Every structure is written in C-alpha cells, then in structure tokens.
Amino acid sequence: MTIKPLADRVVVKATEAEETTKTGIVLPGAAKEKPQIAEVVAVGPGGLVDGKEVKMTVKVGDKVITSKYSGTEVKCDGEEYSIVRQSDILAIVE
C-alpha cells in the first residue's frame, strides 16, 4: 500500500530518537520526547488550499523539523508515518 498525500500535505517518517542524553543518561521509553526531525517520504501537489495558491517547497528525501505535536499518525505496511501540512514544517535540515 502507498500513501499519496493531497493538497499541501506531506508524509514524513520520524528519525530514531536518541536513547541517551549528552551527559550519558539513558532515557526510558516513557521519558523520550516525540522526535521532531523527520524525513520526507511523499509530497502532495500543492494547488489551491483555503482559497490561496500553495507552492510545495519540500521534496522527497529532505530532512525536516516539524512542529512537536502536529500531524496525523498512520501505520502502513508495519511502518509509522505522520501526515502534516507543509505549514507545520518549520525548517529543512541541511
């Protein structure tokens, strides 16, 4: 099964969260925050959204920083993805 986003939506896959802090403290599963860095898996076509023309500026393969609790989480073929609006993407990591 393939996920094809519509309008200004972007499908992202979160990168693995770090297991330890910078000082070497191992974090239990419940203490980890939701990762904010993700890889773009699919991009919608853009177009008219809420009466305004939206041009997509991210592309498949980009590493991005998303808003902390944005998007809708979905499972597809055993993998977890989030579908977010392009406006919920804060930056592209280079």
PDB file of N, CA and C in Angstrom:
ATOM      1  N   MET A   1       0.852  -1.185   0.000  1.00  0.00           N
ATOM      2  CA  MET A   1       0.000   0.000   0.000  1.00  0.00           C
ATOM      3  C   MET A   1       0.892   1.241   0.000  1.00  0.00           C
ATOM      4  N   THR A   2       0.476   2.254  -0.733  1.00  0.00           N
ATOM      5  CA  THR A   2       1.220   3.505  -0.834  1.00  0.00           C
ATOM      6  C   THR A   2       0.377   4.647  -0.302  1.00  0.00           C
ATOM      7  N   ILE A   3       1.017   5.596   0.367  1.00  0.00           N
ATOM      8  CA  ILE A   3       0.324   6.791   0.862  1.00  0.00           C
ATOM      9  C   ILE A   3       0.629   7.933  -0.100  1.00  0.00           C
ATOM     10  N   LYS A   4      -0.421   8.512  -0.682  1.00  0.00           N
ATOM     11  CA  LYS A   4      -0.265   9.643  -1.598  1.00  0.00           C
ATOM     12  C   LYS A   4      -0.976  10.843  -0.991  1.00  0.00           C
ATOM     13  N   PRO A   5      -0.213  11.828  -0.484  1.00  0.00           N
ATOM     14  CA  PRO A   5      -0.843  12.986   0.162  1.00  0.00           C
ATOM     15  C   PRO A   5      -1.549  13.892  -0.840  1.00  0.00           C
ATOM     16  N   LEU A   6      -2.565  14.580  -0.354  1.00  0.00           N
ATOM     17  CA  LEU A   6      -3.334  15.510  -1.175  1.00  0.00           C
ATOM     18  C   LEU A   6      -3.016  16.945  -0.781  1.00  0.00           C
ATOM     19  N   ALA A   7      -3.262  17.854  -1.698  1.00  0.00           N
ATOM     20  CA  ALA A   7      -3.109  19.299  -1.482  1.00  0.00           C
ATOM     21  C   ALA A   7      -1.747  19.642  -0.887  1.00  0.00           C
ATOM     22  N   ASP A   8      -1.729  20.334   0.267  1.00  0.00           N
ATOM     23  CA  ASP A   8      -0.462  20.793   0.859  1.00  0.00           C
ATOM     24  C   ASP A   8       0.044  19.843   1.939  1.00  0.00           C
ATOM     25  N   ARG A   9      -0.355  18.574   1.879  1.00  0.00           N
ATOM     26  CA  ARG A   9       0.064  17.604   2.890  1.00  0.00           C
ATOM     27  C   ARG A   9       1.406  16.972   2.512  1.00  0.00           C
ATOM     28  N   VAL A  10       2.142  16.555   3.531  1.00  0.00           N
ATOM     29  CA  VAL A  10       3.448  15.922   3.363  1.00  0.00           C
ATOM     30  C   VAL A  10       3.486  14.691   4.265  1.00  0.00           C
ATOM     31  N   VAL A  11       3.956  13.562   3.749  1.00  0.00           N
ATOM     32  CA  VAL A  11       4.116  12.355   4.552  1.00  0.00           C
ATOM     33  C   VAL A  11       5.568  12.309   5.012  1.00  0.00           C
ATOM     34  N   VAL A  12       5.769  12.209   6.336  1.00  0.00           N
ATOM     35  CA  VAL A  12       7.122  12.162   6.894  1.00  0.00           C
ATOM     36  C   VAL A  12       7.275  10.923   7.774  1.00  0.00           C
ATOM     37  N   LYS A  13       8.514  10.463   7.881  1.00  0.00           N
ATOM     38  CA  LYS A  13       8.840   9.335   8.752  1.00  0.00           C
ATOM     39  C   LYS A  13       9.855   9.840   9.762  1.00  0.00           C
ATOM     40  N   ALA A  14       9.513   9.725  11.038  1.00  0.00           N
ATOM     41  CA  ALA A  14      10.376  10.233  12.101  1.00  0.00           C
ATOM     42  C   ALA A  14      11.681   9.467  12.154  1.00  0.00           C
ATOM     43  N   THR A  15      12.766  10.185  12.431  1.00  0.00           N
ATOM     44  CA  THR A  15      14.046   9.534  12.634  1.00  0.00           C
ATOM     45  C   THR A  15      14.088   9.004  14.058  1.00  0.00           C
ATOM     46  N   GLU A  16      14.959   8.060  14.326  1.00  0.00           N
ATOM     47  CA  GLU A  16      15.041   7.454  15.651  1.00  0.00           C
ATOM     48  C   GLU A  16      15.465   8.485  16.694  1.00  0.00           C
ATOM     49  N   ALA A  17      14.791   8.476  17.825  1.00  0.00           N
ATOM     50  CA  ALA A  17      15.139   9.366  18.930  1.00  0.00           C
ATOM     51  C   ALA A  17      16.377   8.828  19.631  1.00  0.00           C
ATOM     52  N   GLU A  18      17.165   9.726  20.189  1.00  0.00           N
ATOM     53  CA  GLU A  18      18.363   9.311  20.905  1.00  0.00           C
ATOM     54  C   GLU A  18      17.984   8.585  22.176  1.00  0.00           C
ATOM     55  N   GLU A  19      18.733   7.544  22.486  1.00  0.00           N
ATOM     56  CA  GLU A  19      18.485   6.733  23.671  1.00  0.00           C
ATOM     57  C   GLU A  19      19.135   7.321  24.921  1.00  0.00           C
ATOM     58  N   THR A  20      20.164   8.150  24.744  1.00  0.00           N
ATOM     59  CA  THR A  20      20.864   8.737  25.892  1.00  0.00           C
ATOM     60  C   THR A  20      20.962  10.244  25.726  1.00  0.00           C
ATOM     61  N   THR A  21      21.136  10.931  26.844  1.00  0.00           N
ATOM     62  CA  THR A  21      21.330  12.379  26.800  1.00  0.00           C
ATOM     63  C   THR A  21      22.793  12.664  26.500  1.00  0.00           C
ATOM     64  N   LYS A  22      23.131  13.932  26.304  1.00  0.00           N
ATOM     65  CA  LYS A  22      24.519  14.320  26.028  1.00  0.00           C
ATOM     66  C   LYS A  22      25.453  13.958  27.178  1.00  0.00           C
ATOM     67  N   THR A  23      24.912  13.910  28.379  1.00  0.00           N
ATOM     68  CA  THR A  23      25.741  13.581  29.539  1.00  0.00           C
ATOM     69  C   THR A  23      25.807  12.082  29.802  1.00  0.00           C
ATOM     70  N   GLY A  24      25.161  11.269  28.946  1.00  0.00           N
ATOM     71  CA  GLY A  24      25.255   9.826  29.067  1.00  0.00           C
ATOM     72  C   GLY A  24      24.140   9.158  29.849  1.00  0.00           C
ATOM     73  N   ILE A  25      23.100   9.890  30.205  1.00  0.00           N
ATOM     74  CA  ILE A  25      21.986   9.309  30.952  1.00  0.00           C
ATOM     75  C   ILE A  25      21.075   8.569  29.971  1.00  0.00           C
ATOM     76  N   VAL A  26      20.797   7.306  30.242  1.00  0.00           N
ATOM     77  CA  VAL A  26      19.927   6.504  29.382  1.00  0.00           C
ATOM     78  C   VAL A  26      18.481   6.837  29.715  1.00  0.00           C
ATOM     79  N   LEU A  27      17.692   7.130  28.665  1.00  0.00           N
ATOM     80  CA  LEU A  27      16.295   7.508  28.862  1.00  0.00           C
ATOM     81  C   LEU A  27      15.384   6.300  28.710  1.00  0.00           C
ATOM     82  N   PRO A  28      14.463   6.090  29.652  1.00  0.00           N
ATOM     83  CA  PRO A  28      13.471   5.026  29.465  1.00  0.00           C
ATOM     84  C   PRO A  28      12.479   5.445  28.378  1.00  0.00           C
ATOM     85  N   GLY A  29      11.764   4.495  27.818  1.00  0.00           N
ATOM     86  CA  GLY A  29      10.833   4.765  26.718  1.00  0.00           C
ATOM     87  C   GLY A  29       9.836   5.860  27.011  1.00  0.00           C
ATOM     88  N   ALA A  30       9.304   5.919  28.221  1.00  0.00           N
ATOM     89  CA  ALA A  30       8.271   6.905  28.556  1.00  0.00           C
ATOM     90  C   ALA A  30       8.837   8.317  28.653  1.00  0.00           C
ATOM     91  N   ALA A  31      10.133   8.463  28.902  1.00  0.00           N
ATOM     92  CA  ALA A  31      10.720   9.788  29.087  1.00  0.00           C
ATOM     93  C   ALA A  31      11.142  10.430  27.774  1.00  0.00           C
ATOM     94  N   LYS A  32      11.152   9.667  26.697  1.00  0.00           N
ATOM     95  CA  LYS A  32      11.577  10.207  25.407  1.00  0.00           C
ATOM     96  C   LYS A  32      10.507  11.127  24.845  1.00  0.00           C
ATOM     97  N   GLU A  33      10.965  12.206  24.220  1.00  0.00           N
ATOM     98  CA  GLU A  33      10.036  13.114  23.558  1.00  0.00           C
ATOM     99  C   GLU A  33       9.802  12.617  22.137  1.00  0.00           C
ATOM    100  N   LYS A  34       8.695  13.029  21.580  1.00  0.00           N
ATOM    101  CA  LYS A  34       8.415  12.694  20.184  1.00  0.00           C
ATOM    102  C   LYS A  34       9.495  13.360  19.325  1.00  0.00           C
ATOM    103  N   PRO A  35      10.128  12.601  18.418  1.00  0.00           N
ATOM    104  CA  PRO A  35      11.174  13.209  17.591  1.00  0.00           C
ATOM    105  C   PRO A  35      10.602  14.301  16.692  1.00  0.00           C
ATOM    106  N   GLN A  36      11.382  15.350  16.492  1.00  0.00           N
ATOM    107  CA  GLN A  36      10.927  16.446  15.657  1.00  0.00           C
ATOM    108  C   GLN A  36      11.595  16.434  14.292  1.00  0.00           C
ATOM    109  N   ILE A  37      12.687  15.680  14.150  1.00  0.00           N
ATOM    110  CA  ILE A  37      13.358  15.599  12.864  1.00  0.00           C
ATOM    111  C   ILE A  37      12.812  14.385  12.130  1.00  0.00           C
ATOM    112  N   ALA A  38      12.417  14.603  10.879  1.00  0.00           N
ATOM    113  CA  ALA A  38      11.813  13.535  10.088  1.00  0.00           C
ATOM    114  C   ALA A  38      12.300  13.631   8.650  1.00  0.00           C
ATOM    115  N   GLU A  39      12.121  12.531   7.921  1.00  0.00           N
ATOM    116  CA  GLU A  39      12.469  12.501   6.507  1.00  0.00           C
ATOM    117  C   GLU A  39      11.182  12.529   5.687  1.00  0.00           C
ATOM    118  N   VAL A  40      11.173  13.352   4.651  1.00  0.00           N
ATOM    119  CA  VAL A  40      10.003  13.468   3.782  1.00  0.00           C
ATOM    120  C   VAL A  40       9.927  12.230   2.888  1.00  0.00           C
ATOM    121  N   VAL A  41       8.782  11.552   2.916  1.00  0.00           N
ATOM    122  CA  VAL A  41       8.567  10.326   2.150  1.00  0.00           C
ATOM    123  C   VAL A  41       7.725  10.602   0.901  1.00  0.00           C
ATOM    124  N   ALA A  42       6.751  11.504   1.009  1.00  0.00           N
ATOM    125  CA  ALA A  42       5.882  11.855  -0.122  1.00  0.00           C
ATOM    126  C   ALA A  42       5.386  13.278   0.046  1.00  0.00           C
ATOM    127  N   VAL A  43       5.149  13.947  -1.069  1.00  0.00           N
ATOM    128  CA  VAL A  43       4.710  15.351  -1.054  1.00  0.00           C
ATOM    129  C   VAL A  43       3.474  15.487  -1.931  1.00  0.00           C
ATOM    130  N   GLY A  44       2.478  16.210  -1.420  1.00  0.00           N
ATOM    131  CA  GLY A  44       1.274  16.478  -2.197  1.00  0.00           C
ATOM    132  C   GLY A  44       1.556  17.461  -3.318  1.00  0.00           C
ATOM    133  N   PRO A  45       0.589  17.664  -4.216  1.00  0.00           N
ATOM    134  CA  PRO A  45       0.802  18.520  -5.384  1.00  0.00           C
ATOM    135  C   PRO A  45       0.709  20.021  -5.117  1.00  0.00           C
ATOM    136  N   GLY A  46       0.237  20.420  -3.943  1.00  0.00           N
ATOM    137  CA  GLY A  46       0.032  21.851  -3.695  1.00  0.00           C
ATOM    138  C   GLY A  46      -1.275  22.285  -4.333  1.00  0.00           C
ATOM    139  N   GLY A  47      -1.302  23.497  -4.861  1.00  0.00           N
ATOM    140  CA  GLY A  47      -2.514  23.991  -5.515  1.00  0.00           C
ATOM    141  C   GLY A  47      -3.288  24.934  -4.612  1.00  0.00           C
ATOM    142  N   LEU A  48      -4.598  25.031  -4.840  1.00  0.00           N
ATOM    143  CA  LEU A  48      -5.440  25.923  -4.051  1.00  0.00           C
ATOM    144  C   LEU A  48      -5.798  25.277  -2.718  1.00  0.00           C
ATOM    145  N   VAL A  49      -5.443  25.941  -1.633  1.00  0.00           N
ATOM    146  CA  VAL A  49      -5.779  25.474  -0.295  1.00  0.00           C
ATOM    147  C   VAL A  49      -6.375  26.657   0.451  1.00  0.00           C
ATOM    148  N   ASP A  50      -7.614  26.525   0.888  1.00  0.00           N
ATOM    149  CA  ASP A  50      -8.325  27.602   1.573  1.00  0.00           C
ATOM    150  C   ASP A  50      -8.325  28.894   0.756  1.00  0.00           C
ATOM    151  N   GLY A  51      -8.469  28.773  -0.559  1.00  0.00           N
ATOM    152  CA  GLY A  51      -8.550  29.938  -1.434  1.00  0.00           C
ATOM    153  C   GLY A  51      -7.218  30.584  -1.768  1.00  0.00           C
ATOM    154  N   LYS A  52      -6.120  29.999  -1.339  1.00  0.00           N
ATOM    155  CA  LYS A  52      -4.792  30.560  -1.614  1.00  0.00           C
ATOM    156  C   LYS A  52      -3.955  29.532  -2.362  1.00  0.00           C
ATOM    157  N   GLU A  53      -3.131  30.018  -3.279  1.00  0.00           N
ATOM    158  CA  GLU A  53      -2.235  29.147  -4.040  1.00  0.00           C
ATOM    159  C   GLU A  53      -1.057  28.732  -3.150  1.00  0.00           C
ATOM    160  N   VAL A  54      -0.841  27.422  -3.034  1.00  0.00           N
ATOM    161  CA  VAL A  54       0.255  26.901  -2.218  1.00  0.00           C
ATOM    162  C   VAL A  54       1.254  26.196  -3.131  1.00  0.00           C
ATOM    163  N   LYS A  55       2.519  26.636  -3.060  1.00  0.00           N
ATOM    164  CA  LYS A  55       3.591  26.002  -3.820  1.00  0.00           C
ATOM    165  C   LYS A  55       4.387  25.142  -2.841  1.00  0.00           C
ATOM    166  N   MET A  56       4.616  23.898  -3.192  1.00  0.00           N
ATOM    167  CA  MET A  56       5.338  22.981  -2.316  1.00  0.00           C
ATOM    168  C   MET A  56       6.841  23.278  -2.391  1.00  0.00           C
ATOM    169  N   THR A  57       7.456  23.483  -1.228  1.00  0.00           N
ATOM    170  CA  THR A  57       8.876  23.827  -1.187  1.00  0.00           C
ATOM    171  C   THR A  57       9.741  22.686  -0.672  1.00  0.00           C
ATOM    172  N   VAL A  58       9.132  21.636  -0.129  1.00  0.00           N
ATOM    173  CA  VAL A  58       9.907  20.473   0.305  1.00  0.00           C
ATOM    174  C   VAL A  58       9.809  19.394  -0.763  1.00  0.00           C
ATOM    175  N   LYS A  59      10.791  18.490  -0.756  1.00  0.00           N
ATOM    176  CA  LYS A  59      10.774  17.401  -1.725  1.00  0.00           C
ATOM    177  C   LYS A  59      11.111  16.094  -1.022  1.00  0.00           C
ATOM    178  N   VAL A  60      10.821  14.989  -1.661  1.00  0.00           N
ATOM    179  CA  VAL A  60      11.091  13.672  -1.095  1.00  0.00           C
ATOM    180  C   VAL A  60      12.586  13.552  -0.795  1.00  0.00           C
ATOM    181  N   GLY A  61      12.895  13.044   0.402  1.00  0.00           N
ATOM    182  CA  GLY A  61      14.288  12.873   0.809  1.00  0.00           C
ATOM    183  C   GLY A  61      14.799  13.978   1.715  1.00  0.00           C
ATOM    184  N   ASP A  62      14.108  15.129   1.762  1.00  0.00           N
ATOM    185  CA  ASP A  62      14.526  16.218   2.652  1.00  0.00           C
ATOM    186  C   ASP A  62      14.398  15.787   4.101  1.00  0.00           C
ATOM    187  N   LYS A  63      15.332  16.223   4.937  1.00  0.00           N
ATOM    188  CA  LYS A  63      15.218  16.063   6.387  1.00  0.00           C
ATOM    189  C   LYS A  63      14.635  17.373   6.897  1.00  0.00           C
ATOM    190  N   VAL A  64      13.558  17.274   7.685  1.00  0.00           N
ATOM    191  CA  VAL A  64      12.846  18.464   8.122  1.00  0.00           C
ATOM    192  C   VAL A  64      12.606  18.433   9.630  1.00  0.00           C
ATOM    193  N   ILE A  65      12.332  19.609  10.182  1.00  0.00           N
ATOM    194  CA  ILE A  65      11.921  19.740  11.579  1.00  0.00           C
ATOM    195  C   ILE A  65      10.446  20.112  11.558  1.00  0.00           C
ATOM    196  N   THR A  66       9.634  19.317  12.254  1.00  0.00           N
ATOM    197  CA  THR A  66       8.194  19.564  12.281  1.00  0.00           C
ATOM    198  C   THR A  66       7.780  20.117  13.636  1.00  0.00           C
ATOM    199  N   SER A  67       6.597  20.708  13.683  1.00  0.00           N
ATOM    200  CA  SER A  67       6.034  21.134  14.962  1.00  0.00           C
ATOM    201  C   SER A  67       5.899  19.901  15.846  1.00  0.00           C
ATOM    202  N   LYS A  68       6.071  20.074  17.134  1.00  0.00           N
ATOM    203  CA  LYS A  68       6.171  18.950  18.061  1.00  0.00           C
ATOM    204  C   LYS A  68       4.990  17.986  18.024  1.00  0.00           C
ATOM    205  N   TYR A  69       3.785  18.467  18.082  1.00  0.00           N
ATOM    206  CA  TYR A  69       2.631  17.574  18.140  1.00  0.00           C
ATOM    207  C   TYR A  69       1.705  17.760  16.947  1.00  0.00           C
ATOM    208  N   SER A  70       2.285  18.009  15.781  1.00  0.00           N
ATOM    209  CA  SER A  70       1.479  18.237  14.587  1.00  0.00           C
ATOM    210  C   SER A  70       1.245  16.937  13.831  1.00  0.00           C
ATOM    211  N   GLY A  71       0.265  16.963  12.968  1.00  0.00           N
ATOM    212  CA  GLY A  71       0.048  15.864  12.049  1.00  0.00           C
ATOM    213  C   GLY A  71      -0.815  14.741  12.567  1.00  0.00           C
ATOM    214  N   THR A  72      -1.059  13.806  11.674  1.00  0.00           N
ATOM    215  CA  THR A  72      -1.841  12.609  11.961  1.00  0.00           C
ATOM    216  C   THR A  72      -0.937  11.407  11.775  1.00  0.00           C
ATOM    217  N   GLU A  73      -0.862  10.562  12.798  1.00  0.00           N
ATOM    218  CA  GLU A  73      -0.010   9.383  12.713  1.00  0.00           C
ATOM    219  C   GLU A  73      -0.771   8.244  12.058  1.00  0.00           C
ATOM    220  N   VAL A  74      -0.106   7.556  11.113  1.00  0.00           N
ATOM    221  CA  VAL A  74      -0.699   6.421  10.418  1.00  0.00           C
ATOM    222  C   VAL A  74       0.317   5.289  10.333  1.00  0.00           C
ATOM    223  N   LYS A  75      -0.192   4.056  10.239  1.00  0.00           N
ATOM    224  CA  LYS A  75       0.662   2.891  10.042  1.00  0.00           C
ATOM    225  C   LYS A  75       0.377   2.325   8.665  1.00  0.00           C
ATOM    226  N   CYS A  76       1.437   2.008   7.928  1.00  0.00           N
ATOM    227  CA  CYS A  76       1.303   1.444   6.594  1.00  0.00           C
ATOM    228  C   CYS A  76       2.395   0.397   6.415  1.00  0.00           C
ATOM    229  N   ASP A  77       2.013  -0.829   6.156  1.00  0.00           N
ATOM    230  CA  ASP A  77       2.965  -1.929   5.969  1.00  0.00           C
ATOM    231  C   ASP A  77       3.934  -2.060   7.141  1.00  0.00           C
ATOM    232  N   GLY A  78       3.441  -1.871   8.360  1.00  0.00           N
ATOM    233  CA  GLY A  78       4.260  -2.027   9.554  1.00  0.00           C
ATOM    234  C   GLY A  78       5.132  -0.834   9.895  1.00  0.00           C
ATOM    235  N   GLU A  79       5.140   0.202   9.081  1.00  0.00           N
ATOM    236  CA  GLU A  79       5.932   1.412   9.332  1.00  0.00           C
ATOM    237  C   GLU A  79       5.012   2.519   9.839  1.00  0.00           C
ATOM    238  N   GLU A  80       5.547   3.389  10.706  1.00  0.00           N
ATOM    239  CA  GLU A  80       4.763   4.512  11.221  1.00  0.00           C
ATOM    240  C   GLU A  80       5.151   5.798  10.489  1.00  0.00           C
ATOM    241  N   TYR A  81       4.143   6.530  10.043  1.00  0.00           N
ATOM    242  CA  TYR A  81       4.330   7.791   9.335  1.00  0.00           C
ATOM    243  C   TYR A  81       3.452   8.860   9.966  1.00  0.00           C
ATOM    244  N   SER A  82       3.771  10.109   9.677  1.00  0.00           N
ATOM    245  CA  SER A  82       2.908  11.228  10.055  1.00  0.00           C
ATOM    246  C   SER A  82       2.566  11.995   8.790  1.00  0.00           C
ATOM    247  N   ILE A  83       1.326  12.436   8.716  1.00  0.00           N
ATOM    248  CA  ILE A  83       0.902  13.287   7.605  1.00  0.00           C
ATOM    249  C   ILE A  83       0.695  14.682   8.187  1.00  0.00           C
ATOM    250  N   VAL A  84       1.491  15.637   7.690  1.00  0.00           N
ATOM    251  CA  VAL A  84       1.445  17.004   8.209  1.00  0.00           C
ATOM    252  C   VAL A  84       1.203  17.975   7.061  1.00  0.00           C
ATOM    253  N   ARG A  85       0.714  19.142   7.399  1.00  0.00           N
ATOM    254  CA  ARG A  85       0.610  20.224   6.410  1.00  0.00           C
ATOM    255  C   ARG A  85       2.004  20.808   6.213  1.00  0.00           C
ATOM    256  N   GLN A  86       2.258  21.321   5.033  1.00  0.00           N
ATOM    257  CA  GLN A  86       3.554  21.950   4.786  1.00  0.00           C
ATOM    258  C   GLN A  86       3.805  23.085   5.778  1.00  0.00           C
ATOM    259  N   SER A  87       2.758  23.771   6.201  1.00  0.00           N
ATOM    260  CA  SER A  87       2.923  24.888   7.147  1.00  0.00           C
ATOM    261  C   SER A  87       3.362  24.409   8.535  1.00  0.00           C
ATOM    262  N   ASP A  88       3.221  23.098   8.834  1.00  0.00           N
ATOM    263  CA  ASP A  88       3.686  22.551  10.108  1.00  0.00           C
ATOM    264  C   ASP A  88       5.172  22.178  10.063  1.00  0.00           C
ATOM    265  N   ILE A  89       5.781  22.289   8.895  1.00  0.00           N
ATOM    266  CA  ILE A  89       7.219  22.044   8.772  1.00  0.00           C
ATOM    267  C   ILE A  89       7.933  23.358   9.046  1.00  0.00           C
ATOM    268  N   LEU A  90       8.796  23.352  10.051  1.00  0.00           N
ATOM    269  CA  LEU A  90       9.442  24.579  10.489  1.00  0.00           C
ATOM    270  C   LEU A  90      10.731  24.886   9.740  1.00  0.00           C
ATOM    271  N   ALA A  91      11.472  23.840   9.343  1.00  0.00           N
ATOM    272  CA  ALA A  91      12.758  24.060   8.683  1.00  0.00           C
ATOM    273  C   ALA A  91      13.199  22.810   7.946  1.00  0.00           C
ATOM    274  N   ILE A  92      14.099  23.006   6.975  1.00  0.00           N
ATOM    275  CA  ILE A  92      14.758  21.900   6.294  1.00  0.00           C
ATOM    276  C   ILE A  92      16.155  21.804   6.877  1.00  0.00           C
ATOM    277  N   VAL A  93      16.555  20.589   7.281  1.00  0.00           N
ATOM    278  CA  VAL A  93      17.882  20.379   7.873  1.00  0.00           C
ATOM    279  C   VAL A  93      18.852  20.054   6.752  1.00  0.00           C
ATOM    280  N   GLU A  94      19.938  20.816   6.666  1.00  0.00           N
ATOM    281  CA  GLU A  94      20.944  20.568   5.614  1.00  0.00           C
ATOM    282  C   GLU A  94      22.233  20.056   6.195  1.00  0.00           C
TER     283      GLU A  94
END
